[in-house]
């Protein structure tokens, strides 16, 4: 298929996400194809490592193909939304495969990296930023929740950085992505193709050490990061025991930055915000498999609820930036309202990672 390209270059298996006009958004077919090829390469002794890149200059991968999900379930989410469960099951299995991949998996995260693009990069052994890297988890703004393994990786970022990213959808450029621990090294955009070729030309039989040696000549300083300056405020203001406590701390701070964060949270789906807070707090104590199982339950809930379809309409389809959330207030989207999202899946319908 043209949307995703697989190549063998020496001992390197190279994946190119090839939908540049759609910012390389990940379709269901692409996810299935990548899963199958990674399993083939895992069992192929001639493939010593895998690298993944995005076509074009704008994006590595801007997310999953939410337009297709919107089309499938928008008529009557409660009736039609279950059509989308299969996408999430297959996507999360792919994320888990990458997380536990036995060979070095290198993601060149240049350009926009959001949602589904995070899922096919963040779980790799090496994450490489570029000059255009722009990382975000903006899902609560479309009536969803930080997924693709965010239940696992966001709570494990320094301090309350993960909660801040998950609730606000804040965007990080290369230096801040590195400071947050989301990227391991920086390779300037102009050098990334050469870095891929160096991997292809190298003897990678020594595994990750050989990958690091091949990439080292291309590594550069991404410049100053803003995140260290914000860390004390992030940790102080996002450490509360609930969404209301976080908003109260932000409102009480009196600073411009805090006011901007509070406004960002209040613009998101109240239901999604409530889900995200609980999800990320629970994720601290869960192993990776349990995190993915939880996300599948949350996805099933969101796919048969109205906010996802309204959020995609407002952000992607009509682009009026005026979603009409249901419920519209955080007080109405209380713990009882979202409790069903965290309930166990019916017997026989749990997420199977293998």
Foldseek 3Di string as FASTA:
>chain_A
DQQWDWDAQFQEIEIEREDVVQLSAAELVNLVVVQVVLVVSLPDPRRQEYEYAYPDQAFRYQAHPLVVLLVQQVVALQPRLVVCLVSLLSLLLSLVCQLPRPFAYEYEGEHEQEHSSLSNHQSGPAYEYELHHKYAYLVLLQQAFRDSQLLAPLLVWPANRSVLRGQQRDIFHDQQCVVRVSGDFYFYPVCPVVLVNLVSPWDCNVGPVRNCVSCVVRTDRNDDGPVVVCVVVSNVLRVDPAPVSSLVSLVVVPDPVSVSSNVSNLLGALLRSRVHVVSNVVSVPDDRVVNSQLSSLLSSVSSSDNRNSQSCCCCPNVVVSDGCHVVNDNVVSDCVVCVSSRDHDPPPPTRDSD
